Amino acid sequence: MRKALLLMALAASCATYAQKEVVLNFNIRNTHDNDTLTLSWGANNKSVTPLITSIAAKDAKEVTLPLNEPRVIVMGMKGQASTLELLLAPGETVSVSGKVRNSNNYRLERLKVEGAKYQDEYIHSIRAYYETIDSLQDDVKSQYKDVVRAIENNRQTQNWQAIGQLYQTKRGKEYIERTLQTFEDRNDLYEEVVKMHRNTFMGPLLMIRLAGRLGKSYRELYNMLSDAAKLSYYGREVKDEVYPPTLVGDIAPTVTVKNINGEQKMLSFINHNNRYLLLDFWASWCQPCHKEIPNLMAIYNRFHSKGLDIIGISADQNEEDWRKTLEEQKEPWCNYIDVNRQAITEYKVQYIPSIFIIDAQGNIIAEKLRGKELAEFIERLFAEDNK
């Protein structure tokens, strides 16, 4: 493990960056007329802006992006499984070359990146981490081949009783113990990787990239980061996850959005005409948002006549996708689109769906509720009002 970790200990510098363009030069061979190159934000838990731009692959010779801090960009081809992560810094001119392999599933191959200062450190750190994890897991599987094989065979026949009995044997208990130990080793490795990069933006970047969603349990590790790391873009992202900002208790911000007719509309929620207002941030491409719709419909049908209204604000960048989704869903409440991202910014939306509850005076009284928790909260509100 220590040997693998040494591969990650590459020096990184942290500086203050001014807004400056990054120029990406592409040379992707074997592209077809209908191939589309996509660029998206990577290592980013904010799901409201997944796509930066898309362009016909045959025309993708040079793309310019404004950046003021190092950021991860994911390059892919629409409809393909393979992607390439690029860690870019302001002012860089980066060349990306490779080819598309034409098989049952188009894949990007032989990708080469030149001119990206932090690229090698970033990719090597990720690879070393996962190679170490894979090695730990392979060792357990190799040592307990008989147990792993027996578990798999019984799963195929859905013989859960046999699996339970296997776990009670000496070998089964040893296998469970060793498997649990690999989880602890993984956590230790994760902390060591972050601490190695604690003085630069790479520390919080790897926190997000290697762990995905973060929460309060990561506060201690975040607190070990240097001030420079905490002030970086990814440092600020990590802070928002481990110390999530809240608007509860604040007056709901006034925002300007666009309605279905393309007209600008200012939404002010101070002294609105409802007992309660449910503000739903969503997007057409967001599957969790679609899964929440039946719950919102049920809440609306039950409480609208009692003084509850719902307003939807879409994070879509493509207005046609937004309009098409509205036609399909036929929601009975008003919907708007946040084309300038002002509403998302004002409400500090990190994930969607993101739901806020606003009282009659315009105070935000709840946020980040979904599903059963949201339905029960609304029910309690009206039950308490009727006492």
Protein backbone atom coordinates (compact mmCIF):
# COMPACT_ATOMS: atom_id res chain seq x y z
CA MET A 1 0.00 0.00 0.00
CA ARG A 2 2.78 2.41 0.95
CA LYS A 3 4.54 1.77 -2.34
CA ALA A 4 1.38 2.56 -4.28
CA LEU A 5 0.86 5.70 -2.25
CA LEU A 6 4.32 6.94 -3.15
CA LEU A 7 3.14 7.16 -6.74
CA MET A 8 0.74 9.88 -5.63
CA ALA A 9 3.22 12.10 -3.84
CA LEU A 10 3.87 14.46 -6.74
CA ALA A 11 4.42 18.11 -5.88
CA ALA A 12 1.58 20.53 -6.61
CA SER A 13 1.67 24.30 -6.44
CA CYS A 14 -1.24 26.45 -5.33
CA ALA A 15 -1.60 29.99 -6.64
CA THR A 16 -4.19 32.69 -7.09
CA TYR A 17 -5.52 32.60 -10.64
CA ALA A 18 -7.04 35.38 -12.66
CA GLN A 19 -9.89 34.77 -15.10
CA LYS A 20 -8.09 33.42 -18.15
CA GLU A 21 -8.99 31.23 -21.08
CA VAL A 22 -8.00 27.63 -21.60
CA VAL A 23 -7.53 26.61 -25.21
CA LEU A 24 -8.24 22.97 -26.08
CA ASN A 25 -6.89 21.68 -29.39
CA PHE A 26 -8.47 18.38 -30.47
CA ASN A 27 -7.26 15.76 -32.90
CA ILE A 28 -9.74 12.88 -32.62
CA ARG A 29 -9.47 10.53 -35.58
CA ASN A 30 -12.08 8.20 -37.10
CA THR A 31 -15.02 10.44 -36.17
CA HIS A 32 -18.25 10.25 -38.16
CA ASP A 33 -20.57 13.03 -39.30
CA ASN A 34 -23.07 12.36 -36.52
CA ASP A 35 -20.49 12.06 -33.70
CA THR A 36 -20.76 14.75 -31.04
CA LEU A 37 -17.98 15.80 -28.69
CA THR A 38 -19.20 16.78 -25.20
CA LEU A 39 -17.43 18.72 -22.45
CA SER A 40 -18.84 18.55 -18.92
CA TRP A 41 -17.75 19.55 -15.44
CA GLY A 42 -16.08 16.69 -13.62
CA ALA A 43 -15.35 16.00 -9.92
CA ASN A 44 -18.41 18.08 -9.21
CA ASN A 45 -21.30 17.04 -6.99
CA LYS A 46 -23.45 19.94 -8.14
CA SER A 47 -25.79 18.32 -10.62
CA VAL A 48 -27.36 21.50 -11.99
CA THR A 49 -24.82 22.15 -14.77
CA PRO A 50 -23.69 18.80 -16.17
CA LEU A 51 -22.82 20.03 -19.66
CA ILE A 52 -20.52 22.86 -20.63
CA THR A 53 -20.81 22.50 -24.39
CA SER A 54 -21.26 20.02 -27.20
CA ILE A 55 -19.93 20.29 -30.71
CA ALA A 56 -19.84 18.16 -33.84
CA ALA A 57 -16.73 16.01 -33.48
CA LYS A 58 -15.59 16.71 -37.04
CA ASP A 59 -15.62 20.44 -36.27
CA ALA A 60 -13.97 20.16 -32.85
CA LYS A 61 -10.53 21.49 -33.66
CA GLU A 62 -10.27 24.20 -31.01
CA VAL A 63 -12.48 25.04 -28.05
CA THR A 64 -11.93 27.96 -25.67
CA LEU A 65 -13.15 27.85 -22.07
CA PRO A 66 -12.92 30.66 -19.48
CA LEU A 67 -11.44 29.50 -16.17
CA ASN A 68 -10.19 31.31 -13.08
CA GLU A 69 -9.10 28.21 -11.11
CA PRO A 70 -8.00 24.67 -11.94
CA ARG A 71 -11.05 22.59 -12.84
CA VAL A 72 -11.72 19.07 -14.03
CA ILE A 73 -13.42 18.81 -17.42
CA VAL A 74 -14.76 15.48 -18.70
CA MET A 75 -14.44 14.95 -22.44
CA GLY A 76 -16.64 12.35 -24.08
CA MET A 77 -18.45 11.39 -27.24
CA LYS A 78 -22.23 11.38 -27.11
CA GLY A 79 -23.50 7.81 -26.84
CA GLN A 80 -20.12 6.39 -25.85
CA ALA A 81 -19.19 4.90 -22.52
CA SER A 82 -15.57 6.02 -22.51
CA THR A 83 -14.56 9.48 -21.29
CA LEU A 84 -11.38 11.41 -20.51
CA GLU A 85 -10.86 13.58 -17.45
CA LEU A 86 -8.84 16.73 -18.01
CA LEU A 87 -7.50 18.83 -15.12
CA LEU A 88 -7.08 22.26 -16.68
CA ALA A 89 -5.64 25.49 -15.29
CA PRO A 90 -6.18 29.09 -16.49
CA GLY A 91 -3.97 30.16 -19.38
CA GLU A 92 -3.08 26.67 -20.59
CA THR A 93 -3.11 25.54 -24.20
CA VAL A 94 -3.84 21.83 -24.11
CA SER A 95 -3.71 19.31 -26.94
CA VAL A 96 -5.88 16.18 -26.85
CA SER A 97 -5.36 13.47 -29.43
CA GLY A 98 -6.77 10.00 -29.90
CA LYS A 99 -9.17 8.04 -32.03
CA VAL A 100 -12.63 6.51 -32.04
CA ARG A 101 -12.74 2.73 -32.33
CA ASN A 102 -15.69 1.54 -34.39
CA SER A 103 -17.08 -1.58 -32.74
CA ASN A 104 -20.35 -2.58 -31.10
CA ASN A 105 -19.88 0.47 -28.89
CA TYR A 106 -17.77 3.37 -30.08
CA ARG A 107 -14.87 4.01 -27.70
CA LEU A 108 -12.24 6.70 -27.35
CA GLU A 109 -8.78 5.15 -27.54
CA ARG A 110 -5.08 6.07 -27.45
CA LEU A 111 -5.85 9.35 -25.77
CA LYS A 112 -2.90 11.64 -25.20
CA VAL A 113 -2.91 14.94 -23.32
CA GLU A 114 -0.18 17.56 -23.61
CA GLY A 115 0.13 20.98 -21.99
CA ALA A 116 -1.99 20.35 -18.86
CA LYS A 117 0.27 21.08 -15.87
CA TYR A 118 -1.58 19.01 -13.26
CA GLN A 119 -2.93 16.23 -15.48
CA ASP A 120 -0.34 13.55 -14.74
CA GLU A 121 -0.46 14.07 -10.98
CA TYR A 122 -4.24 13.93 -10.97
CA ILE A 123 -4.57 10.79 -13.10
CA HIS A 124 -1.70 8.98 -11.36
CA SER A 125 -3.22 9.71 -7.94
CA ILE A 126 -6.58 8.27 -8.96
CA ARG A 127 -5.08 5.21 -10.63
CA ALA A 128 -2.77 4.43 -7.74
CA TYR A 129 -5.65 4.69 -5.29
CA TYR A 130 -7.95 2.34 -7.19
CA GLU A 131 -5.15 -0.09 -8.05
CA THR A 132 -4.37 -0.40 -4.36
CA ILE A 133 -8.03 -0.95 -3.51
CA ASP A 134 -8.39 -3.56 -6.26
CA SER A 135 -5.26 -5.33 -5.01
CA LEU A 136 -6.67 -5.51 -1.48
CA GLN A 137 -9.96 -6.94 -2.72
CA ASP A 138 -8.26 -9.40 -5.07
CA ASP A 139 -6.13 -10.70 -2.21
CA VAL A 140 -9.25 -11.49 -0.18
CA LYS A 141 -11.00 -13.14 -3.13
CA SER A 142 -7.91 -15.21 -3.89
CA GLN A 143 -7.47 -16.36 -0.29
CA TYR A 144 -11.15 -17.27 0.05
CA LYS A 145 -11.93 -18.61 -3.42
CA ASP A 146 -14.04 -21.43 -2.00
CA VAL A 147 -16.24 -19.06 0.01
CA VAL A 148 -16.66 -16.59 -2.87
CA ARG A 149 -17.55 -19.42 -5.28
CA ALA A 150 -20.07 -20.91 -2.86
CA ILE A 151 -21.72 -17.53 -2.28
CA GLU A 152 -22.04 -16.89 -6.01
CA ASN A 153 -23.48 -20.34 -6.73
CA ASN A 154 -26.09 -19.97 -4.01
CA ARG A 155 -27.00 -16.49 -5.18
CA GLN A 156 -27.71 -17.81 -8.66
CA THR A 157 -30.12 -20.35 -7.19
CA GLN A 158 -31.40 -17.81 -4.64
CA ASN A 159 -30.50 -20.15 -1.81
CA TRP A 160 -30.23 -17.43 0.83
CA GLN A 161 -30.42 -19.91 3.70
CA ALA A 162 -27.28 -21.66 2.48
CA ILE A 163 -25.46 -18.32 2.28
CA GLY A 164 -26.49 -17.51 5.84
CA GLN A 165 -25.21 -20.88 7.04
CA LEU A 166 -21.95 -20.35 5.15
CA TYR A 167 -21.38 -17.06 6.97
CA GLN A 168 -21.60 -18.95 10.28
CA THR A 169 -18.72 -21.29 9.39
CA LYS A 170 -15.16 -20.58 10.41
CA ARG A 171 -14.11 -19.79 6.82
CA GLY A 172 -17.20 -17.66 6.32
CA LYS A 173 -16.52 -15.61 9.44
CA GLU A 174 -12.89 -15.13 8.41
CA TYR A 175 -14.02 -13.98 4.97
CA ILE A 176 -16.41 -11.41 6.46
CA GLU A 177 -13.71 -10.17 8.83
CA ARG A 178 -11.17 -9.75 6.04
CA THR A 179 -13.74 -8.04 3.81
CA LEU A 180 -14.60 -5.55 6.55
CA GLN A 181 -10.88 -4.94 7.05
CA THR A 182 -10.55 -3.95 3.39
CA PHE A 183 -13.19 -1.25 3.99
CA GLU A 184 -11.14 0.10 6.88
CA ASP A 185 -7.97 -0.05 4.76
CA ARG A 186 -9.78 1.85 2.03
CA ASN A 187 -10.78 4.60 4.45
CA ASP A 188 -7.21 4.82 5.76
CA LEU A 189 -5.86 5.01 2.23
CA TYR A 190 -8.35 7.73 1.32
CA GLU A 191 -7.27 9.85 4.28
CA GLU A 192 -3.59 9.38 3.47
CA VAL A 193 -4.09 10.44 -0.15
CA VAL A 194 -5.95 13.61 0.88
CA LYS A 195 -3.40 14.47 3.58
CA MET A 196 -0.56 14.13 1.05
CA HIS A 197 -2.20 16.93 -0.93
CA ARG A 198 -3.60 18.93 1.97
CA ASN A 199 -1.67 22.10 1.04
CA THR A 200 -3.12 22.56 -2.45
CA PHE A 201 -6.42 22.46 -4.34
CA MET A 202 -5.60 18.83 -5.16
CA GLY A 203 -6.52 17.76 -1.61
CA PRO A 204 -10.19 18.79 -1.69
CA LEU A 205 -10.40 17.81 -5.37
CA LEU A 206 -9.39 14.24 -4.50
CA MET A 207 -11.80 14.27 -1.55
CA ILE A 208 -14.66 14.75 -4.00
CA ARG A 209 -13.29 12.61 -6.81
CA LEU A 210 -12.48 9.54 -4.69
CA ALA A 211 -15.45 9.63 -2.32
CA GLY A 212 -18.32 11.11 -4.31
CA ARG A 213 -20.91 12.58 -1.95
CA LEU A 214 -19.49 14.03 1.24
CA GLY A 215 -21.17 14.70 4.57
CA LYS A 216 -20.58 15.72 8.15
CA SER A 217 -18.35 12.68 8.78
CA TYR A 218 -15.70 14.29 6.54
CA ARG A 219 -15.39 17.46 8.62
CA GLU A 220 -12.29 16.33 10.49
CA LEU A 221 -10.46 15.62 7.24
CA TYR A 222 -11.61 18.93 5.75
CA ASN A 223 -10.33 20.78 8.82
CA MET A 224 -6.85 19.33 8.18
CA LEU A 225 -6.63 21.10 4.81
CA SER A 226 -4.46 24.18 4.54
CA ASP A 227 -6.06 27.62 4.24
CA ALA A 228 -5.00 27.76 0.59
CA ALA A 229 -6.69 24.42 -0.12
CA LYS A 230 -9.88 25.50 1.66
CA LEU A 231 -10.02 28.73 -0.36
CA SER A 232 -9.69 26.90 -3.69
CA TYR A 233 -12.74 26.10 -5.81
CA TYR A 234 -12.78 22.48 -4.65
CA GLY A 235 -12.12 23.54 -1.07
CA ARG A 236 -15.24 25.69 -1.19
CA GLU A 237 -17.17 22.79 -2.72
CA VAL A 238 -16.11 20.45 0.07
CA LYS A 239 -17.02 23.01 2.73
CA ASP A 240 -20.52 23.36 1.30
CA GLU A 241 -20.96 19.60 1.65
CA VAL A 242 -19.47 19.02 5.08
CA TYR A 243 -20.84 22.29 6.47
CA PRO A 244 -23.92 22.68 4.24
CA PRO A 245 -25.24 26.25 3.96
CA THR A 246 -28.85 26.80 4.93
CA LEU A 247 -31.45 29.42 4.07
CA VAL A 248 -33.89 28.30 6.75
CA GLY A 249 -34.91 31.39 8.72
CA ASP A 250 -34.09 33.76 5.85
CA ILE A 251 -36.53 35.69 3.67
CA ALA A 252 -36.93 33.88 0.33
CA PRO A 253 -34.82 35.70 -2.29
CA THR A 254 -36.55 37.54 -5.13
CA VAL A 255 -35.43 36.13 -8.48
CA THR A 256 -35.99 36.75 -12.18
CA VAL A 257 -36.86 33.75 -14.36
CA LYS A 258 -38.54 33.07 -17.71
CA ASN A 259 -42.08 31.69 -18.16
CA ILE A 260 -43.39 29.30 -20.80
CA ASN A 261 -44.14 32.25 -23.13
CA GLY A 262 -40.54 33.41 -23.03
CA GLU A 263 -41.32 36.42 -20.84
CA GLN A 264 -39.10 37.55 -17.96
CA LYS A 265 -40.90 37.16 -14.64
CA MET A 266 -39.82 38.48 -11.25
CA LEU A 267 -40.79 36.12 -8.44
CA SER A 268 -41.14 37.72 -5.01
CA PHE A 269 -42.43 35.46 -2.26
CA ILE A 270 -42.94 38.06 0.46
CA ASN A 271 -46.60 38.07 1.56
CA HIS A 272 -47.73 35.76 -1.26
CA ASN A 273 -51.34 34.65 -1.42
CA ASN A 274 -50.89 31.15 0.02
CA ARG A 275 -50.51 29.65 3.47
CA TYR A 276 -47.45 27.80 2.21
CA LEU A 277 -45.43 27.68 -0.99
CA LEU A 278 -43.33 24.75 -2.16
CA LEU A 279 -40.47 25.81 -4.45
CA ASP A 280 -39.09 22.92 -6.52
CA PHE A 281 -35.77 23.18 -8.40
CA TRP A 282 -35.58 20.45 -11.03
CA ALA A 283 -34.43 19.69 -14.61
CA SER A 284 -35.61 17.57 -17.54
CA TRP A 285 -32.46 15.41 -17.46
CA CYS A 286 -32.66 14.76 -13.69
CA GLN A 287 -34.03 11.26 -12.99
CA PRO A 288 -34.47 11.84 -9.23
CA CYS A 289 -36.55 14.90 -10.15
CA HIS A 290 -38.90 12.78 -12.27
CA LYS A 291 -39.19 10.22 -9.47
CA GLU A 292 -40.28 13.00 -7.10
CA ILE A 293 -43.15 14.16 -9.35
CA PRO A 294 -45.75 11.59 -8.13
CA ASN A 295 -45.02 12.67 -4.55
CA LEU A 296 -45.43 16.35 -5.46
CA MET A 297 -48.66 15.57 -7.32
CA ALA A 298 -50.07 13.78 -4.29
CA ILE A 299 -49.10 16.67 -1.99
CA TYR A 300 -50.59 19.23 -4.39
CA ASN A 301 -53.87 17.32 -4.81
CA ARG A 302 -54.26 16.94 -1.06
CA PHE A 303 -53.26 20.39 0.18
CA HIS A 304 -53.76 22.87 -2.68
CA SER A 305 -57.36 23.59 -1.68
CA LYS A 306 -56.13 24.17 1.89
CA GLY A 307 -53.63 26.85 0.90
CA LEU A 308 -50.54 25.15 -0.57
CA ASP A 309 -49.13 26.06 -3.97
CA ILE A 310 -46.12 24.76 -5.87
CA ILE A 311 -43.76 26.62 -8.19
CA GLY A 312 -41.23 24.78 -10.33
CA ILE A 313 -37.95 26.35 -11.44
CA SER A 314 -35.98 24.41 -14.04
CA ALA A 315 -32.19 24.28 -14.19
CA ASP A 316 -32.33 23.29 -17.87
CA GLN A 317 -30.04 25.10 -20.25
CA ASN A 318 -32.00 23.81 -23.24
CA GLU A 319 -35.41 25.47 -23.31
CA GLU A 320 -36.81 22.94 -25.79
CA ASP A 321 -36.06 20.07 -23.41
CA TRP A 322 -37.80 22.01 -20.65
CA ARG A 323 -40.90 22.72 -22.74
CA LYS A 324 -41.13 19.12 -23.95
CA THR A 325 -40.95 17.81 -20.37
CA LEU A 326 -43.67 20.23 -19.23
CA GLU A 327 -45.95 19.01 -22.02
CA GLU A 328 -45.36 15.39 -21.01
CA GLN A 329 -45.78 15.85 -17.26
CA LYS A 330 -48.75 18.25 -17.40
CA GLU A 331 -48.13 19.62 -13.92
CA PRO A 332 -50.98 21.80 -12.59
CA TRP A 333 -48.64 24.37 -11.01
CA CYS A 334 -46.61 27.19 -12.57
CA ASN A 335 -43.18 26.42 -13.97
CA TYR A 336 -40.31 28.69 -14.93
CA ILE A 337 -36.80 28.25 -16.31
CA ASP A 338 -33.68 29.73 -14.71
CA VAL A 339 -31.80 30.55 -17.89
CA ASN A 340 -29.38 32.95 -16.20
CA ARG A 341 -28.84 30.74 -13.12
CA GLN A 342 -29.78 33.63 -10.85
CA ALA A 343 -32.35 31.61 -8.89
CA ILE A 344 -29.98 28.66 -8.45
CA THR A 345 -27.30 31.03 -7.17
CA GLU A 346 -29.61 32.95 -4.81
CA TYR A 347 -31.02 29.75 -3.30
CA LYS A 348 -27.57 28.13 -3.06
CA VAL A 349 -28.83 25.05 -4.88
CA GLN A 350 -26.26 22.27 -4.74
CA TYR A 351 -28.34 19.30 -5.92
CA ILE A 352 -31.60 18.74 -7.67
CA PRO A 353 -34.32 18.13 -6.93
CA SER A 354 -33.93 20.82 -4.28
CA ILE A 355 -37.13 21.82 -2.50
CA PHE A 356 -37.83 24.83 -0.26
CA ILE A 357 -40.93 25.48 1.86
CA ILE A 358 -41.93 29.16 2.27
CA ASP A 359 -44.55 30.47 4.70
CA ALA A 360 -47.13 33.20 4.08
CA GLN A 361 -44.72 35.98 5.11
CA GLY A 362 -41.99 34.80 2.73
CA ASN A 363 -39.79 33.05 5.31
CA ILE A 364 -38.00 29.85 4.30
CA ILE A 365 -39.03 27.32 6.94
CA ALA A 366 -37.61 24.10 5.45
CA GLU A 367 -35.31 22.89 2.70
CA LYS A 368 -33.78 19.74 1.20
CA LEU A 369 -36.85 17.59 1.89
CA ARG A 370 -37.98 14.84 -0.48
CA GLY A 371 -40.25 11.81 -0.64
CA LYS A 372 -41.89 10.61 2.55
CA GLU A 373 -40.04 13.17 4.67
CA LEU A 374 -41.44 16.02 2.56
CA ALA A 375 -45.00 14.65 2.62
CA GLU A 376 -44.91 14.19 6.40
CA PHE A 377 -43.54 17.72 6.92
CA ILE A 378 -46.35 19.28 4.86
CA GLU A 379 -48.93 17.20 6.72
CA ARG A 380 -47.58 18.38 10.07
CA LEU A 381 -47.67 22.01 8.94
CA PHE A 382 -51.39 21.92 8.17
CA ALA A 383 -52.18 19.78 11.20
CA GLU A 384 -50.51 22.32 13.52
CA ASP A 385 -52.28 25.22 11.79
CA ASN A 386 -55.64 23.59 12.42
CA LYS A 387 -55.10 23.05 16.15
